[in-house]
N, C-alpha and C. Protein backbone atom coordinates (compact mmCIF):
# COMPACT_ATOMS: atom_id res chain seq x y z
N MET A 1 -138.60 -21.74 -52.01
CA MET A 1 -138.10 -21.66 -50.66
C MET A 1 -139.25 -21.64 -49.67
N GLU A 2 -139.08 -22.38 -48.61
CA GLU A 2 -140.06 -22.33 -47.54
C GLU A 2 -139.53 -21.44 -46.43
N LYS A 3 -140.43 -20.85 -45.68
CA LYS A 3 -140.03 -20.00 -44.56
C LYS A 3 -139.11 -20.78 -43.64
N GLY A 4 -138.06 -20.10 -43.17
CA GLY A 4 -137.14 -20.72 -42.23
C GLY A 4 -136.02 -21.51 -42.87
N GLN A 5 -135.97 -21.57 -44.18
CA GLN A 5 -134.91 -22.33 -44.86
C GLN A 5 -133.69 -21.46 -45.13
N THR A 6 -132.57 -22.12 -45.39
CA THR A 6 -131.34 -21.44 -45.72
C THR A 6 -131.20 -21.32 -47.23
N VAL A 7 -130.59 -20.22 -47.67
CA VAL A 7 -130.44 -19.95 -49.10
C VAL A 7 -129.00 -19.54 -49.37
N LEU A 8 -128.43 -20.09 -50.45
CA LEU A 8 -127.13 -19.67 -50.95
C LEU A 8 -127.34 -19.07 -52.33
N ILE A 9 -126.86 -17.85 -52.53
CA ILE A 9 -127.00 -17.18 -53.81
C ILE A 9 -125.60 -16.87 -54.34
N HIS A 10 -125.24 -17.52 -55.44
CA HIS A 10 -123.97 -17.21 -56.08
C HIS A 10 -124.12 -15.96 -56.93
N ALA A 11 -123.02 -15.23 -57.10
CA ALA A 11 -123.03 -13.95 -57.83
C ALA A 11 -124.03 -13.00 -57.17
N GLY A 12 -123.92 -12.90 -55.86
CA GLY A 12 -124.87 -12.11 -55.08
C GLY A 12 -124.92 -10.64 -55.43
N ALA A 13 -123.82 -10.09 -55.97
CA ALA A 13 -123.81 -8.67 -56.30
C ALA A 13 -124.35 -8.38 -57.70
N SER A 14 -124.68 -9.42 -58.46
CA SER A 14 -125.28 -9.20 -59.78
C SER A 14 -126.70 -8.68 -59.59
N GLY A 15 -127.28 -8.20 -60.66
CA GLY A 15 -128.66 -7.72 -60.57
C GLY A 15 -129.61 -8.80 -60.09
N VAL A 16 -129.51 -10.00 -60.66
CA VAL A 16 -130.36 -11.12 -60.25
C VAL A 16 -130.05 -11.49 -58.80
N GLY A 17 -128.77 -11.53 -58.46
CA GLY A 17 -128.37 -11.88 -57.10
C GLY A 17 -128.92 -10.91 -56.07
N GLN A 18 -128.83 -9.62 -56.37
CA GLN A 18 -129.35 -8.62 -55.44
C GLN A 18 -130.85 -8.74 -55.25
N ALA A 19 -131.56 -8.99 -56.33
CA ALA A 19 -133.01 -9.20 -56.21
C ALA A 19 -133.30 -10.45 -55.39
N ALA A 20 -132.55 -11.52 -55.64
CA ALA A 20 -132.77 -12.79 -54.92
C ALA A 20 -132.53 -12.64 -53.43
N ILE A 21 -131.51 -11.87 -53.04
CA ILE A 21 -131.25 -11.64 -51.60
C ILE A 21 -132.49 -11.05 -50.96
N GLN A 22 -133.01 -10.00 -51.57
CA GLN A 22 -134.12 -9.28 -50.97
C GLN A 22 -135.41 -10.11 -50.97
N VAL A 23 -135.65 -10.84 -52.04
CA VAL A 23 -136.85 -11.68 -52.11
C VAL A 23 -136.75 -12.81 -51.07
N ALA A 24 -135.57 -13.40 -50.92
CA ALA A 24 -135.39 -14.48 -49.93
C ALA A 24 -135.63 -13.96 -48.51
N LYS A 25 -135.11 -12.79 -48.20
CA LYS A 25 -135.31 -12.22 -46.86
C LYS A 25 -136.80 -11.93 -46.62
N MET A 26 -137.46 -11.37 -47.63
CA MET A 26 -138.88 -11.07 -47.48
C MET A 26 -139.71 -12.34 -47.40
N GLY A 27 -139.21 -13.42 -48.02
CA GLY A 27 -139.91 -14.69 -47.98
C GLY A 27 -139.68 -15.48 -46.70
N GLY A 28 -138.86 -14.96 -45.80
CA GLY A 28 -138.67 -15.61 -44.51
C GLY A 28 -137.50 -16.58 -44.42
N ALA A 29 -136.50 -16.42 -45.27
CA ALA A 29 -135.31 -17.28 -45.17
C ALA A 29 -134.69 -17.10 -43.79
N SER A 30 -134.24 -18.20 -43.21
CA SER A 30 -133.59 -18.10 -41.90
C SER A 30 -132.19 -17.54 -42.03
N LYS A 31 -131.54 -17.83 -43.15
CA LYS A 31 -130.19 -17.32 -43.38
C LYS A 31 -129.95 -17.25 -44.88
N VAL A 32 -129.44 -16.10 -45.32
CA VAL A 32 -129.08 -15.91 -46.72
C VAL A 32 -127.57 -15.74 -46.79
N ILE A 33 -126.93 -16.65 -47.52
CA ILE A 33 -125.48 -16.62 -47.73
C ILE A 33 -125.26 -16.32 -49.21
N VAL A 34 -124.26 -15.49 -49.50
CA VAL A 34 -123.96 -15.16 -50.89
C VAL A 34 -122.48 -15.32 -51.16
N THR A 35 -122.15 -15.49 -52.44
CA THR A 35 -120.77 -15.39 -52.88
C THR A 35 -120.66 -14.16 -53.77
N ALA A 36 -119.51 -13.51 -53.69
CA ALA A 36 -119.23 -12.35 -54.53
C ALA A 36 -117.71 -12.24 -54.68
N GLY A 37 -117.26 -11.47 -55.67
CA GLY A 37 -115.85 -11.46 -56.03
C GLY A 37 -114.98 -10.37 -55.43
N SER A 38 -115.51 -9.59 -54.50
CA SER A 38 -114.67 -8.58 -53.83
C SER A 38 -115.30 -8.24 -52.48
N ASP A 39 -114.49 -7.63 -51.62
CA ASP A 39 -115.01 -7.21 -50.32
C ASP A 39 -116.08 -6.14 -50.49
N GLU A 40 -115.90 -5.26 -51.48
CA GLU A 40 -116.90 -4.23 -51.76
C GLU A 40 -118.23 -4.85 -52.17
N LYS A 41 -118.18 -5.85 -53.05
CA LYS A 41 -119.40 -6.53 -53.47
C LYS A 41 -120.05 -7.26 -52.30
N CYS A 42 -119.24 -7.86 -51.43
CA CYS A 42 -119.79 -8.54 -50.25
C CYS A 42 -120.52 -7.54 -49.35
N LYS A 43 -119.95 -6.35 -49.19
CA LYS A 43 -120.60 -5.32 -48.37
C LYS A 43 -121.95 -4.92 -48.96
N ILE A 44 -122.01 -4.74 -50.27
CA ILE A 44 -123.28 -4.40 -50.92
C ILE A 44 -124.32 -5.48 -50.62
N CYS A 45 -123.91 -6.75 -50.71
CA CYS A 45 -124.83 -7.86 -50.44
C CYS A 45 -125.33 -7.84 -49.00
N ARG A 46 -124.43 -7.60 -48.06
CA ARG A 46 -124.84 -7.53 -46.65
C ARG A 46 -125.78 -6.35 -46.43
N ASP A 47 -125.50 -5.21 -47.08
CA ASP A 47 -126.38 -4.04 -46.96
C ASP A 47 -127.78 -4.33 -47.49
N LEU A 48 -127.89 -5.26 -48.45
CA LEU A 48 -129.20 -5.63 -49.00
C LEU A 48 -129.90 -6.71 -48.19
N GLY A 49 -129.22 -7.25 -47.17
CA GLY A 49 -129.87 -8.23 -46.30
C GLY A 49 -129.18 -9.57 -46.18
N ALA A 50 -128.12 -9.83 -46.94
CA ALA A 50 -127.42 -11.12 -46.81
C ALA A 50 -126.85 -11.23 -45.39
N ASP A 51 -127.00 -12.39 -44.81
CA ASP A 51 -126.47 -12.62 -43.46
C ASP A 51 -124.97 -12.90 -43.50
N VAL A 52 -124.54 -13.59 -44.54
CA VAL A 52 -123.13 -13.96 -44.70
C VAL A 52 -122.75 -13.72 -46.15
N ALA A 53 -121.62 -13.07 -46.38
CA ALA A 53 -121.12 -12.83 -47.73
C ALA A 53 -119.69 -13.36 -47.82
N VAL A 54 -119.46 -14.26 -48.77
CA VAL A 54 -118.16 -14.90 -48.92
C VAL A 54 -117.47 -14.35 -50.17
N ASN A 55 -116.30 -13.77 -49.98
CA ASN A 55 -115.49 -13.32 -51.12
C ASN A 55 -114.81 -14.58 -51.67
N TYR A 56 -115.30 -15.09 -52.79
CA TYR A 56 -114.81 -16.35 -53.33
C TYR A 56 -113.36 -16.27 -53.80
N ARG A 57 -112.83 -15.08 -53.94
CA ARG A 57 -111.42 -14.94 -54.31
C ARG A 57 -110.50 -15.18 -53.11
N LYS A 58 -111.06 -15.11 -51.90
CA LYS A 58 -110.28 -15.27 -50.68
C LYS A 58 -110.62 -16.54 -49.90
N GLU A 59 -111.87 -16.99 -50.02
CA GLU A 59 -112.33 -18.12 -49.21
C GLU A 59 -113.17 -19.08 -50.04
N ASP A 60 -113.21 -20.32 -49.59
CA ASP A 60 -114.06 -21.34 -50.20
C ASP A 60 -115.43 -21.28 -49.51
N PHE A 61 -116.47 -21.10 -50.29
CA PHE A 61 -117.80 -20.96 -49.71
C PHE A 61 -118.32 -22.24 -49.06
N ALA A 62 -117.88 -23.40 -49.54
CA ALA A 62 -118.46 -24.67 -49.07
C ALA A 62 -118.31 -24.89 -47.57
N PRO A 63 -117.10 -24.82 -47.00
CA PRO A 63 -117.00 -25.04 -45.55
C PRO A 63 -117.72 -23.96 -44.73
N ILE A 64 -117.75 -22.75 -45.26
CA ILE A 64 -118.46 -21.68 -44.55
C ILE A 64 -119.96 -21.99 -44.50
N CYS A 65 -120.51 -22.45 -45.62
CA CYS A 65 -121.93 -22.80 -45.66
C CYS A 65 -122.25 -23.93 -44.68
N MET A 66 -121.39 -24.93 -44.63
CA MET A 66 -121.64 -26.04 -43.71
C MET A 66 -121.54 -25.57 -42.27
N ASP A 67 -120.58 -24.72 -41.97
CA ASP A 67 -120.44 -24.18 -40.62
C ASP A 67 -121.66 -23.34 -40.25
N GLU A 68 -122.10 -22.49 -41.17
CA GLU A 68 -123.23 -21.60 -40.91
C GLU A 68 -124.56 -22.35 -40.73
N THR A 69 -124.64 -23.57 -41.23
CA THR A 69 -125.88 -24.35 -41.12
C THR A 69 -125.75 -25.48 -40.10
N GLY A 70 -124.68 -25.49 -39.33
CA GLY A 70 -124.48 -26.58 -38.38
C GLY A 70 -124.36 -27.92 -39.06
N ASN A 71 -123.72 -27.94 -40.24
CA ASN A 71 -123.52 -29.14 -41.06
C ASN A 71 -124.81 -29.74 -41.62
N LYS A 72 -125.90 -28.99 -41.60
CA LYS A 72 -127.15 -29.49 -42.18
C LYS A 72 -127.21 -29.25 -43.68
N GLY A 73 -126.48 -28.25 -44.16
CA GLY A 73 -126.49 -27.94 -45.58
C GLY A 73 -127.49 -26.87 -45.94
N ILE A 74 -127.46 -26.50 -47.20
CA ILE A 74 -128.27 -25.40 -47.73
C ILE A 74 -129.55 -25.95 -48.36
N ASN A 75 -130.68 -25.34 -48.03
CA ASN A 75 -131.96 -25.79 -48.57
C ASN A 75 -132.20 -25.36 -50.03
N LEU A 76 -131.75 -24.16 -50.38
CA LEU A 76 -131.97 -23.64 -51.72
C LEU A 76 -130.71 -22.95 -52.21
N ILE A 77 -130.20 -23.39 -53.35
CA ILE A 77 -129.01 -22.79 -53.95
C ILE A 77 -129.41 -22.18 -55.28
N ILE A 78 -129.15 -20.89 -55.43
CA ILE A 78 -129.39 -20.18 -56.68
C ILE A 78 -128.02 -20.00 -57.33
N ASP A 79 -127.80 -20.64 -58.48
CA ASP A 79 -126.47 -20.66 -59.08
C ASP A 79 -126.44 -20.05 -60.47
N MET A 80 -125.60 -19.04 -60.62
CA MET A 80 -125.39 -18.42 -61.93
C MET A 80 -124.00 -18.74 -62.47
N VAL A 81 -123.23 -19.53 -61.73
CA VAL A 81 -121.85 -19.81 -62.11
C VAL A 81 -121.75 -21.09 -62.93
N GLY A 82 -122.39 -22.16 -62.51
CA GLY A 82 -122.39 -23.38 -63.30
C GLY A 82 -121.29 -24.36 -62.94
N ARG A 83 -120.58 -24.82 -63.94
CA ARG A 83 -119.62 -25.92 -63.83
C ARG A 83 -118.68 -25.81 -62.62
N ASP A 84 -118.05 -24.67 -62.41
CA ASP A 84 -117.05 -24.55 -61.36
C ASP A 84 -117.61 -24.75 -59.95
N TYR A 85 -118.91 -24.57 -59.78
CA TYR A 85 -119.51 -24.70 -58.45
C TYR A 85 -120.35 -25.98 -58.30
N TRP A 86 -120.52 -26.72 -59.38
CA TRP A 86 -121.43 -27.87 -59.37
C TRP A 86 -121.13 -28.86 -58.24
N LEU A 87 -119.90 -29.35 -58.17
CA LEU A 87 -119.58 -30.35 -57.16
C LEU A 87 -119.79 -29.84 -55.75
N ARG A 88 -119.31 -28.65 -55.45
CA ARG A 88 -119.49 -28.09 -54.12
C ARG A 88 -120.96 -27.84 -53.81
N ASN A 89 -121.73 -27.40 -54.81
CA ASN A 89 -123.16 -27.20 -54.58
C ASN A 89 -123.84 -28.51 -54.16
N THR A 90 -123.55 -29.59 -54.87
CA THR A 90 -124.19 -30.87 -54.53
C THR A 90 -123.70 -31.39 -53.18
N GLN A 91 -122.46 -31.09 -52.82
CA GLN A 91 -121.93 -31.53 -51.54
C GLN A 91 -122.55 -30.79 -50.36
N ILE A 92 -122.83 -29.50 -50.53
CA ILE A 92 -123.33 -28.70 -49.40
C ILE A 92 -124.85 -28.58 -49.38
N ALA A 93 -125.52 -29.11 -50.38
CA ALA A 93 -126.98 -29.04 -50.39
C ALA A 93 -127.54 -29.91 -49.26
N ALA A 94 -128.57 -29.43 -48.62
CA ALA A 94 -129.23 -30.18 -47.55
C ALA A 94 -130.02 -31.34 -48.14
N MET A 95 -130.37 -32.28 -47.31
CA MET A 95 -131.25 -33.37 -47.74
C MET A 95 -132.52 -32.77 -48.32
N GLU A 96 -132.92 -33.22 -49.50
CA GLU A 96 -134.07 -32.72 -50.24
C GLU A 96 -133.96 -31.24 -50.59
N GLY A 97 -132.70 -30.76 -50.70
CA GLY A 97 -132.46 -29.38 -51.09
C GLY A 97 -132.75 -29.17 -52.57
N LYS A 98 -132.79 -27.91 -52.94
CA LYS A 98 -133.06 -27.55 -54.33
C LYS A 98 -131.89 -26.72 -54.86
N ILE A 99 -131.48 -27.05 -56.08
CA ILE A 99 -130.46 -26.28 -56.78
C ILE A 99 -131.12 -25.71 -58.03
N VAL A 100 -131.12 -24.39 -58.14
CA VAL A 100 -131.71 -23.72 -59.29
C VAL A 100 -130.57 -23.11 -60.10
N ILE A 101 -130.41 -23.57 -61.32
CA ILE A 101 -129.36 -23.06 -62.19
C ILE A 101 -129.97 -22.02 -63.11
N VAL A 102 -129.47 -20.79 -62.98
CA VAL A 102 -130.00 -19.66 -63.73
C VAL A 102 -129.08 -19.31 -64.90
N ALA A 103 -127.79 -19.57 -64.73
CA ALA A 103 -126.81 -19.28 -65.79
C ALA A 103 -125.62 -20.21 -65.60
N ALA A 104 -124.71 -20.17 -66.54
CA ALA A 104 -123.52 -21.03 -66.48
C ALA A 104 -122.30 -20.21 -66.90
N MET A 105 -121.98 -19.20 -66.10
CA MET A 105 -120.91 -18.29 -66.45
C MET A 105 -119.54 -18.99 -66.56
N SER A 106 -119.34 -20.07 -65.80
CA SER A 106 -118.06 -20.78 -65.86
C SER A 106 -118.08 -21.94 -66.85
N GLY A 107 -119.20 -22.17 -67.46
CA GLY A 107 -119.34 -23.26 -68.41
C GLY A 107 -120.51 -24.15 -68.05
N SER A 108 -121.00 -24.87 -69.05
CA SER A 108 -122.20 -25.70 -68.84
C SER A 108 -121.91 -27.19 -68.85
N LYS A 109 -120.70 -27.59 -69.25
CA LYS A 109 -120.39 -29.01 -69.34
C LYS A 109 -119.64 -29.48 -68.11
N ILE A 110 -120.16 -30.54 -67.49
CA ILE A 110 -119.54 -31.12 -66.30
C ILE A 110 -119.00 -32.48 -66.72
N GLU A 111 -117.69 -32.63 -66.69
CA GLU A 111 -117.05 -33.86 -67.19
C GLU A 111 -117.32 -35.06 -66.30
N THR A 112 -117.10 -34.93 -65.00
CA THR A 112 -117.29 -36.07 -64.09
C THR A 112 -118.46 -35.75 -63.17
N PHE A 113 -119.52 -36.44 -63.40
CA PHE A 113 -120.72 -36.18 -62.62
C PHE A 113 -121.35 -37.51 -62.22
N ASP A 114 -121.48 -37.72 -60.93
CA ASP A 114 -122.08 -38.93 -60.41
C ASP A 114 -123.49 -38.58 -59.91
N MET A 115 -124.49 -39.12 -60.58
CA MET A 115 -125.88 -38.80 -60.20
C MET A 115 -126.22 -39.23 -58.80
N ARG A 116 -125.40 -40.09 -58.18
CA ARG A 116 -125.66 -40.51 -56.80
C ARG A 116 -125.68 -39.32 -55.85
N GLN A 117 -124.88 -38.28 -56.18
CA GLN A 117 -124.89 -37.07 -55.34
C GLN A 117 -126.31 -36.52 -55.24
N LEU A 118 -127.03 -36.54 -56.36
CA LEU A 118 -128.41 -36.04 -56.37
C LEU A 118 -129.35 -37.04 -55.70
N MET A 119 -129.17 -38.31 -56.04
CA MET A 119 -130.09 -39.34 -55.57
C MET A 119 -129.99 -39.57 -54.06
N ASN A 120 -128.78 -39.63 -53.54
CA ASN A 120 -128.60 -39.92 -52.11
C ASN A 120 -129.22 -38.86 -51.22
N LYS A 121 -129.21 -37.62 -51.67
CA LYS A 121 -129.81 -36.53 -50.89
C LYS A 121 -131.23 -36.19 -51.37
N ARG A 122 -131.69 -36.88 -52.41
CA ARG A 122 -132.99 -36.59 -53.00
C ARG A 122 -133.08 -35.10 -53.38
N LEU A 123 -132.04 -34.63 -54.05
CA LEU A 123 -131.97 -33.22 -54.43
C LEU A 123 -132.87 -32.93 -55.62
N TRP A 124 -133.38 -31.73 -55.66
CA TRP A 124 -134.17 -31.23 -56.77
C TRP A 124 -133.26 -30.35 -57.60
N LEU A 125 -133.23 -30.57 -58.88
CA LEU A 125 -132.45 -29.76 -59.79
C LEU A 125 -133.40 -29.06 -60.74
N LEU A 126 -133.35 -27.74 -60.73
CA LEU A 126 -134.21 -26.95 -61.61
C LEU A 126 -133.31 -26.05 -62.44
N THR A 127 -133.69 -25.84 -63.67
CA THR A 127 -132.97 -24.90 -64.52
C THR A 127 -133.98 -23.92 -65.08
N THR A 128 -133.49 -22.73 -65.37
CA THR A 128 -134.40 -21.74 -65.91
C THR A 128 -133.64 -20.73 -66.76
N THR A 129 -134.31 -20.18 -67.70
CA THR A 129 -133.81 -19.05 -68.47
C THR A 129 -135.02 -18.34 -69.06
N LEU A 130 -134.96 -17.05 -69.10
CA LEU A 130 -136.06 -16.30 -69.70
C LEU A 130 -135.92 -16.20 -71.21
N ARG A 131 -134.70 -16.39 -71.70
CA ARG A 131 -134.45 -16.22 -73.13
C ARG A 131 -135.33 -17.11 -74.01
N THR A 132 -135.59 -18.32 -73.55
CA THR A 132 -136.36 -19.25 -74.39
C THR A 132 -137.84 -19.29 -74.02
N ARG A 133 -138.25 -18.46 -73.08
CA ARG A 133 -139.65 -18.42 -72.67
C ARG A 133 -140.45 -17.53 -73.61
N SER A 134 -141.73 -17.81 -73.67
CA SER A 134 -142.61 -17.01 -74.53
C SER A 134 -142.78 -15.60 -73.96
N LYS A 135 -143.17 -14.69 -74.84
CA LYS A 135 -143.42 -13.32 -74.41
C LYS A 135 -144.52 -13.29 -73.35
N ASP A 136 -145.54 -14.14 -73.53
CA ASP A 136 -146.64 -14.22 -72.57
C ASP A 136 -146.13 -14.63 -71.18
N TYR A 137 -145.27 -15.63 -71.12
CA TYR A 137 -144.71 -16.07 -69.84
C TYR A 137 -143.90 -14.93 -69.20
N GLN A 138 -143.06 -14.28 -69.99
CA GLN A 138 -142.23 -13.20 -69.47
C GLN A 138 -143.10 -12.06 -68.92
N GLU A 139 -144.19 -11.76 -69.61
CA GLU A 139 -145.09 -10.71 -69.15
C GLU A 139 -145.78 -11.10 -67.85
N ARG A 140 -146.22 -12.35 -67.75
CA ARG A 140 -146.86 -12.82 -66.50
C ARG A 140 -145.88 -12.79 -65.33
N LEU A 141 -144.63 -13.18 -65.59
CA LEU A 141 -143.62 -13.16 -64.54
C LEU A 141 -143.33 -11.73 -64.09
N ARG A 142 -143.20 -10.83 -65.06
CA ARG A 142 -142.99 -9.41 -64.73
C ARG A 142 -144.15 -8.89 -63.88
N ASP A 143 -145.38 -9.19 -64.30
CA ASP A 143 -146.55 -8.71 -63.57
C ASP A 143 -146.60 -9.27 -62.15
N LYS A 144 -146.21 -10.52 -61.99
CA LYS A 144 -146.18 -11.15 -60.65
C LYS A 144 -145.15 -10.44 -59.79
N PHE A 145 -143.97 -10.19 -60.34
CA PHE A 145 -142.93 -9.49 -59.59
C PHE A 145 -143.41 -8.10 -59.19
N VAL A 146 -144.04 -7.39 -60.13
CA VAL A 146 -144.55 -6.05 -59.82
C VAL A 146 -145.60 -6.11 -58.71
N SER A 147 -146.54 -7.05 -58.80
CA SER A 147 -147.60 -7.11 -57.79
C SER A 147 -147.06 -7.52 -56.42
N ASP A 148 -146.05 -8.37 -56.40
CA ASP A 148 -145.51 -8.83 -55.11
C ASP A 148 -144.46 -7.90 -54.53
N CYS A 149 -143.73 -7.19 -55.38
CA CYS A 149 -142.55 -6.47 -54.90
C CYS A 149 -142.58 -4.95 -55.05
N MET A 150 -143.38 -4.40 -55.95
CA MET A 150 -143.31 -2.97 -56.21
C MET A 150 -143.55 -2.14 -54.96
N LYS A 151 -144.46 -2.56 -54.12
CA LYS A 151 -144.73 -1.80 -52.89
C LYS A 151 -143.49 -1.72 -52.01
N HIS A 152 -142.65 -2.75 -52.08
CA HIS A 152 -141.42 -2.76 -51.27
C HIS A 152 -140.36 -1.82 -51.85
N PHE A 153 -140.37 -1.63 -53.16
CA PHE A 153 -139.49 -0.63 -53.76
C PHE A 153 -139.98 0.77 -53.39
N GLU A 154 -141.31 0.94 -53.39
CA GLU A 154 -141.87 2.25 -53.06
C GLU A 154 -141.61 2.65 -51.63
N ASP A 155 -141.67 1.69 -50.69
CA ASP A 155 -141.44 2.05 -49.28
C ASP A 155 -139.97 1.92 -48.86
N GLY A 156 -139.11 1.53 -49.80
CA GLY A 156 -137.68 1.49 -49.52
C GLY A 156 -137.15 0.22 -48.88
N THR A 157 -138.02 -0.79 -48.65
CA THR A 157 -137.53 -2.03 -48.07
C THR A 157 -136.81 -2.90 -49.09
N MET A 158 -137.03 -2.63 -50.36
CA MET A 158 -136.25 -3.25 -51.43
C MET A 158 -135.66 -2.13 -52.27
N ARG A 159 -134.48 -2.40 -52.83
CA ARG A 159 -133.87 -1.36 -53.67
C ARG A 159 -133.01 -1.98 -54.75
N ILE A 160 -132.71 -1.17 -55.73
CA ILE A 160 -131.86 -1.57 -56.85
C ILE A 160 -130.54 -0.80 -56.71
N THR A 161 -129.44 -1.49 -56.87
CA THR A 161 -128.14 -0.84 -56.84
C THR A 161 -127.73 -0.50 -58.27
N ILE A 162 -127.43 0.76 -58.49
CA ILE A 162 -126.94 1.18 -59.80
C ILE A 162 -125.43 1.29 -59.71
N ASP A 163 -124.75 0.51 -60.52
CA ASP A 163 -123.30 0.46 -60.49
C ASP A 163 -122.69 1.65 -61.24
N ALA A 164 -123.17 1.89 -62.45
CA ALA A 164 -122.60 2.96 -63.27
C ALA A 164 -123.62 3.37 -64.33
N VAL A 165 -123.50 4.63 -64.76
CA VAL A 165 -124.36 5.16 -65.82
C VAL A 165 -123.46 5.70 -66.91
N TYR A 166 -123.72 5.26 -68.14
CA TYR A 166 -122.96 5.69 -69.31
C TYR A 166 -123.91 6.27 -70.35
N PRO A 167 -123.45 7.26 -71.12
CA PRO A 167 -124.25 7.66 -72.28
C PRO A 167 -124.17 6.53 -73.31
N TRP A 168 -125.18 6.41 -74.14
CA TRP A 168 -125.22 5.30 -75.10
C TRP A 168 -124.01 5.30 -76.03
N THR A 169 -123.40 6.46 -76.21
CA THR A 169 -122.22 6.53 -77.08
C THR A 169 -121.01 5.82 -76.47
N GLN A 170 -121.10 5.48 -75.18
CA GLN A 170 -120.01 4.77 -74.51
C GLN A 170 -120.42 3.34 -74.13
N VAL A 171 -121.32 2.77 -74.93
CA VAL A 171 -121.80 1.43 -74.63
C VAL A 171 -120.66 0.41 -74.60
N SER A 172 -119.63 0.62 -75.40
CA SER A 172 -118.49 -0.32 -75.39
C SER A 172 -117.77 -0.27 -74.05
N GLU A 173 -117.69 0.91 -73.45
CA GLU A 173 -117.07 1.02 -72.12
C GLU A 173 -117.92 0.31 -71.06
N ALA A 174 -119.23 0.42 -71.19
CA ALA A 174 -120.14 -0.27 -70.27
C ALA A 174 -119.95 -1.78 -70.37
N HIS A 175 -119.83 -2.26 -71.62
CA HIS A 175 -119.61 -3.70 -71.82
C HIS A 175 -118.27 -4.15 -71.24
N LYS A 176 -117.25 -3.34 -71.41
CA LYS A 176 -115.93 -3.67 -70.85
C LYS A 176 -116.01 -3.80 -69.32
N ARG A 177 -116.75 -2.89 -68.70
CA ARG A 177 -116.91 -2.93 -67.24
C ARG A 177 -117.61 -4.22 -66.82
N MET A 178 -118.66 -4.56 -67.53
CA MET A 178 -119.41 -5.77 -67.21
C MET A 178 -118.54 -7.01 -67.44
N GLU A 179 -117.85 -7.08 -68.56
CA GLU A 179 -117.03 -8.24 -68.89
C GLU A 179 -115.84 -8.40 -67.94
N ALA A 180 -115.37 -7.30 -67.36
CA ALA A 180 -114.27 -7.36 -66.40
C ALA A 180 -114.74 -7.86 -65.03
N ASN A 181 -116.06 -8.03 -64.88
CA ASN A 181 -116.65 -8.53 -63.64
C ASN A 181 -116.33 -7.62 -62.45
N ILE A 182 -116.34 -6.32 -62.68
CA ILE A 182 -116.11 -5.39 -61.58
C ILE A 182 -117.38 -4.64 -61.19
N SER A 183 -118.44 -4.85 -61.94
CA SER A 183 -119.69 -4.16 -61.63
C SER A 183 -120.41 -4.87 -60.49
N ALA A 184 -121.20 -4.08 -59.78
CA ALA A 184 -122.05 -4.61 -58.71
C ALA A 184 -123.40 -3.93 -58.84
N GLY A 185 -124.35 -4.61 -59.42
CA GLY A 185 -125.65 -4.02 -59.68
C GLY A 185 -125.81 -3.70 -61.15
N LYS A 186 -126.70 -2.80 -61.43
CA LYS A 186 -127.07 -2.50 -62.81
C LYS A 186 -126.15 -1.47 -63.44
N ILE A 187 -125.81 -1.72 -64.71
CA ILE A 187 -125.11 -0.73 -65.53
C ILE A 187 -126.15 -0.17 -66.48
N ILE A 188 -126.28 1.13 -66.50
CA ILE A 188 -127.31 1.78 -67.30
C ILE A 188 -126.67 2.59 -68.41
N CYS A 189 -127.23 2.47 -69.60
CA CYS A 189 -126.84 3.33 -70.72
C CYS A 189 -128.02 4.23 -71.04
N THR A 190 -127.78 5.51 -71.03
CA THR A 190 -128.85 6.48 -71.30
C THR A 190 -128.82 6.87 -72.77
N VAL A 191 -130.01 7.15 -73.30
CA VAL A 191 -130.15 7.59 -74.67
C VAL A 191 -130.76 8.98 -74.62
N ASP A 192 -130.05 9.97 -75.17
CA ASP A 192 -130.61 11.31 -75.19
C ASP A 192 -131.49 11.48 -76.42
N GLY A 193 -132.17 12.60 -76.51
CA GLY A 193 -133.11 12.84 -77.57
C GLY A 193 -132.51 13.22 -78.91
N SER A 194 -131.21 13.40 -79.00
CA SER A 194 -130.64 13.87 -80.26
C SER A 194 -130.23 12.74 -81.16
């Protein structure tokens, strides 16, 4: 992202989404728009710095994004949803915009895909996952995040939202909460000394 650009973050209330909101604001985004699945999750996103939060269960994010950008489109889209948002993402991306796919919660296979959508706008498509990266890469990324962001956690300009805390003996309940998609932020399981 370059300073002054617009950013759309799907799954804004997730742990990754919440971090992305704050990093985008600190990086000088002109507008951060997020999608989330409830009014409560949208409020959490706005409290973390999102300028616009769209409850995808009530509204379609695409026309809102175009309206919020004066029909110029979004410069950077961070997508954790995948298939269900693919077409709308390519439609609302700005000329020479970037789409970063971090996960594919709705599925990874797109049946009808016309590459012209990418070519006509000269879109950049990036994908990423930490699961297949080397331990060395993961450590360097962690260290970069710590050096760039830790001071902001210490002074309170960045924060982590804790959704729920469970004892490790209730890990199945924690998983049920996560799978029901009602969590907003981190779910923590504690391990006692016994």
